[in-house]
Amino acid sequence: QVHLVQSGGGLVQAGGSLRLSCAASGSIFSANVMAWYRQAPGKQREWVASIGRTGGTDYVDSVKGRFTISRDTGRNTVYLQMNSLKPEDTAAYYCSYTGAATYWGQGTQVTVSS
């Protein structure tokens, strides 16, 4: 079993920055994939970024150059640094851990005002 606890998020003006954190506990293997997703009201959950076994990262096109995913293996924590935020980034953000199953954090709201 894996438990994910998120922190960060909040309200920010367009152009601002926020950092999300996701701390994992339980049957964690540092080599597994961790990712961030988001879900805006009335829309499906969307993959945002992921970081893999060797630290390789990937991003949805809409956040490339603005968001950075990173992980602290020793602390079993993954981060999402979000810069140059836009109103369209407004959503509930969720971290995930994929091992034998996929586990989700509780979600955190990010609201970007114009």
C-alpha atoms as a PDB file:
ATOM      1  CA  GLN A   1       0.000   0.000   0.000  1.00  0.00           C
ATOM      2  CA  VAL A   2       1.171   3.501  -0.878  1.00  0.00           C
ATOM      3  CA  HIS A   3      -0.027   6.727   0.713  1.00  0.00           C
ATOM      4  CA  LEU A   4       0.478  10.073  -1.014  1.00  0.00           C
ATOM      5  CA  VAL A   5       0.108  13.395   0.796  1.00  0.00           C
ATOM      6  CA  GLN A   6       0.084  16.588  -1.217  1.00  0.00           C
ATOM      7  CA  SER A   7       0.871  20.133  -0.137  1.00  0.00           C
ATOM      8  CA  GLY A   8       1.184  23.494  -1.816  1.00  0.00           C
ATOM      9  CA  GLY A   9      -1.187  25.113  -4.256  1.00  0.00           C
ATOM     10  CA  GLY A  10      -3.450  28.079  -3.652  1.00  0.00           C
ATOM     11  CA  LEU A  11      -4.372  31.309  -5.380  1.00  0.00           C
ATOM     12  CA  VAL A  12      -1.913  33.240  -7.522  1.00  0.00           C
ATOM     13  CA  GLN A  13      -2.076  35.947 -10.157  1.00  0.00           C
ATOM     14  CA  ALA A  14      -1.268  35.182 -13.764  1.00  0.00           C
ATOM     15  CA  GLY A  15       2.482  35.128 -14.281  1.00  0.00           C
ATOM     16  CA  GLY A  16       3.123  33.966 -10.753  1.00  0.00           C
ATOM     17  CA  SER A  17       4.613  30.746  -9.421  1.00  0.00           C
ATOM     18  CA  LEU A  18       3.599  27.926  -7.140  1.00  0.00           C
ATOM     19  CA  ARG A  19       5.213  24.693  -6.025  1.00  0.00           C
ATOM     20  CA  LEU A  20       3.360  21.497  -5.295  1.00  0.00           C
ATOM     21  CA  SER A  21       4.784  18.681  -3.202  1.00  0.00           C
ATOM     22  CA  CYS A  22       3.761  15.058  -2.895  1.00  0.00           C
ATOM     23  CA  ALA A  23       5.225  12.877  -0.170  1.00  0.00           C
ATOM     24  CA  ALA A  24       4.930   9.129  -0.559  1.00  0.00           C
ATOM     25  CA  SER A  25       4.986   6.540   2.198  1.00  0.00           C
ATOM     26  CA  GLY A  26       4.418   2.822   2.417  1.00  0.00           C
ATOM     27  CA  SER A  27       5.714   0.223  -0.030  1.00  0.00           C
ATOM     28  CA  ILE A  28       7.727   2.706  -2.050  1.00  0.00           C
ATOM     29  CA  PHE A  29      10.251   1.809  -4.662  1.00  0.00           C
ATOM     30  CA  SER A  30      12.254   4.796  -5.808  1.00  0.00           C
ATOM     31  CA  ALA A  31      12.549   3.402  -9.295  1.00  0.00           C
ATOM     32  CA  ASN A  32       8.875   3.749 -10.045  1.00  0.00           C
ATOM     33  CA  VAL A  33       7.135   6.463 -12.011  1.00  0.00           C
ATOM     34  CA  MET A  34       5.568   9.458 -10.335  1.00  0.00           C
ATOM     35  CA  ALA A  35       3.400  11.968 -12.119  1.00  0.00           C
ATOM     36  CA  TRP A  36       1.139  14.975 -11.818  1.00  0.00           C
ATOM     37  CA  TYR A  37      -2.331  15.255 -13.290  1.00  0.00           C
ATOM     38  CA  ARG A  38      -4.917  18.018 -13.176  1.00  0.00           C
ATOM     39  CA  GLN A  39      -8.639  18.288 -13.554  1.00  0.00           C
ATOM     40  CA  ALA A  40     -10.480  21.498 -14.326  1.00  0.00           C
ATOM     41  CA  PRO A  41     -14.220  21.830 -13.599  1.00  0.00           C
ATOM     42  CA  GLY A  42     -16.263  20.028 -16.203  1.00  0.00           C
ATOM     43  CA  LYS A  43     -13.195  18.489 -17.843  1.00  0.00           C
ATOM     44  CA  GLN A  44     -11.490  15.114 -17.750  1.00  0.00           C
ATOM     45  CA  ARG A  45      -8.380  14.551 -15.697  1.00  0.00           C
ATOM     46  CA  GLU A  46      -5.337  15.487 -17.760  1.00  0.00           C
ATOM     47  CA  TRP A  47      -1.777  14.198 -17.448  1.00  0.00           C
ATOM     48  CA  VAL A  48       0.639  17.085 -16.825  1.00  0.00           C
ATOM     49  CA  ALA A  49       4.104  15.677 -16.173  1.00  0.00           C
ATOM     50  CA  SER A  50       5.916  12.532 -15.125  1.00  0.00           C
ATOM     51  CA  ILE A  51       9.332  11.535 -13.868  1.00  0.00           C
ATOM     52  CA  GLY A  52      10.634   8.059 -14.442  1.00  0.00           C
ATOM     53  CA  ARG A  53      13.029   5.515 -13.061  1.00  0.00           C
ATOM     54  CA  THR A  54      16.203   7.249 -14.191  1.00  0.00           C
ATOM     55  CA  GLY A  55      14.938  10.780 -13.629  1.00  0.00           C
ATOM     56  CA  GLY A  56      13.748  11.306 -17.152  1.00  0.00           C
ATOM     57  CA  THR A  57      10.885  13.756 -17.414  1.00  0.00           C
ATOM     58  CA  ASP A  58       8.059  14.417 -19.804  1.00  0.00           C
ATOM     59  CA  TYR A  59       5.429  17.141 -20.012  1.00  0.00           C
ATOM     60  CA  VAL A  60       2.208  17.926 -21.767  1.00  0.00           C
ATOM     61  CA  ASP A  61       2.884  20.512 -24.448  1.00  0.00           C
ATOM     62  CA  SER A  62       0.843  23.217 -22.724  1.00  0.00           C
ATOM     63  CA  VAL A  63       3.226  23.370 -19.729  1.00  0.00           C
ATOM     64  CA  LYS A  64       6.591  22.771 -21.393  1.00  0.00           C
ATOM     65  CA  GLY A  65       9.060  25.465 -20.478  1.00  0.00           C
ATOM     66  CA  ARG A  66       6.910  26.623 -17.540  1.00  0.00           C
ATOM     67  CA  PHE A  67       6.563  23.597 -15.241  1.00  0.00           C
ATOM     68  CA  THR A  68       9.331  21.426 -13.828  1.00  0.00           C
ATOM     69  CA  ILE A  69       8.829  18.046 -12.189  1.00  0.00           C
ATOM     70  CA  SER A  70      11.513  16.757  -9.849  1.00  0.00           C
ATOM     71  CA  ARG A  71      11.929  14.147  -7.160  1.00  0.00           C
ATOM     72  CA  ASP A  72      13.855  13.752  -3.939  1.00  0.00           C
ATOM     73  CA  THR A  73      14.393  10.013  -3.780  1.00  0.00           C
ATOM     74  CA  GLY A  74      15.676  10.081  -0.202  1.00  0.00           C
ATOM     75  CA  ARG A  75      12.506  11.808   0.981  1.00  0.00           C
ATOM     76  CA  ASN A  76      10.198   9.916  -1.405  1.00  0.00           C
ATOM     77  CA  THR A  77       8.839  13.250  -2.525  1.00  0.00           C
ATOM     78  CA  VAL A  78       8.002  14.605  -5.952  1.00  0.00           C
ATOM     79  CA  TYR A  79       7.611  18.288  -6.723  1.00  0.00           C
ATOM     80  CA  LEU A  80       5.958  20.336  -9.425  1.00  0.00           C
ATOM     81  CA  GLN A  81       7.386  23.813  -9.820  1.00  0.00           C
ATOM     82  CA  MET A  82       4.939  25.912 -11.789  1.00  0.00           C
ATOM     83  CA  ASN A  83       6.116  29.214 -13.238  1.00  0.00           C
ATOM     84  CA  SER A  84       4.482  31.741 -15.554  1.00  0.00           C
ATOM     85  CA  LEU A  85       1.089  30.466 -14.505  1.00  0.00           C
ATOM     86  CA  LYS A  86      -1.912  31.147 -16.702  1.00  0.00           C
ATOM     87  CA  PRO A  87      -5.628  31.212 -15.888  1.00  0.00           C
ATOM     88  CA  GLU A  88      -6.029  28.046 -17.947  1.00  0.00           C
ATOM     89  CA  ASP A  89      -3.772  26.256 -15.454  1.00  0.00           C
ATOM     90  CA  THR A  90      -6.548  26.556 -12.891  1.00  0.00           C
ATOM     91  CA  ALA A  91      -7.474  23.048 -11.769  1.00  0.00           C
ATOM     92  CA  ALA A  92      -7.271  20.511  -8.997  1.00  0.00           C
ATOM     93  CA  TYR A  93      -3.844  18.903  -9.199  1.00  0.00           C
ATOM     94  CA  TYR A  94      -3.200  15.291  -8.258  1.00  0.00           C
ATOM     95  CA  CYS A  95       0.040  13.377  -7.859  1.00  0.00           C
ATOM     96  CA  SER A  96       0.238   9.708  -8.683  1.00  0.00           C
ATOM     97  CA  TYR A  97       2.571   6.818  -7.999  1.00  0.00           C
ATOM     98  CA  THR A  98       2.596   3.837 -10.314  1.00  0.00           C
ATOM     99  CA  GLY A  99       3.909   0.521  -9.122  1.00  0.00           C
ATOM    100  CA  ALA A 100       1.929  -2.697  -9.050  1.00  0.00           C
ATOM    101  CA  ALA A 101      -1.067  -0.351  -8.946  1.00  0.00           C
ATOM    102  CA  THR A 102      -1.604   3.371  -9.319  1.00  0.00           C
ATOM    103  CA  TYR A 103      -2.121   5.455  -6.211  1.00  0.00           C
ATOM    104  CA  TRP A 104      -3.370   9.031  -6.001  1.00  0.00           C
ATOM    105  CA  GLY A 105      -2.850  11.963  -3.711  1.00  0.00           C
ATOM    106  CA  GLN A 106      -5.785  13.813  -2.188  1.00  0.00           C
ATOM    107  CA  GLY A 107      -5.625  16.667  -4.683  1.00  0.00           C
ATOM    108  CA  THR A 108      -4.824  20.336  -4.209  1.00  0.00           C
ATOM    109  CA  GLN A 109      -6.465  23.338  -5.813  1.00  0.00           C
ATOM    110  CA  VAL A 110      -4.510  25.756  -7.967  1.00  0.00           C
ATOM    111  CA  THR A 111      -6.342  28.916  -8.977  1.00  0.00           C
ATOM    112  CA  VAL A 112      -4.750  31.451 -11.305  1.00  0.00           C
ATOM    113  CA  SER A 113      -6.471  34.806 -11.551  1.00  0.00           C
ATOM    114  CA  SER A 114      -6.206  36.995 -14.624  1.00  0.00           C
END
